Amino acid sequence: MPVWQASGRIGVADGQQGGSGGFDWAQDGESFDFTLTAPITGRSFRLQSGPDGACLSGLKPQPVCAFDAASLLRAELGWVLPLRELRTWVLGMAAPGSASHMRYGPDGLPAQLQQDGWIVQYRSWDAQARPL
């Protein structure tokens, strides 16, 4: 599916630190636009990525750009996020290439996915647009 949009909540914890916020993700082929907003402060950052590189804005006065989104997040925030996998996880699918376990809810829709040490919980789905 080359073009899609998703909005939701995200929480990340590594046993020592954690955080949560709202997100908006727009995917168009290999390009994406991801915005994360903190619930209490309202502070947000925007990550835009495409074939020519990635730019992160909202953290510093000027956007910071790099060759790829994953290395940019690692350098600027210290985050190691599975961005390639997130694209498929957001759509309710396991990423190809590694073992996974999907649990389905009573409605037959994905409820939880475990893959590569990450746990993705699907709390609700848009009734008009079912997952792939």
Foldseek 3Di string as FASTA:
>chain_A
DQWDKDKDKDKDDDPPDIFIFIWIWIGHHQWIKIKTAGDPPRQIKIWTADCQWIWIDRPDPDIDTDRYDQVVCCVPPVDRDPVVQVVVVRLQDGDPDFDKDFDADPVRGTAWIDDPNDIDGDPDDDPVDGGD
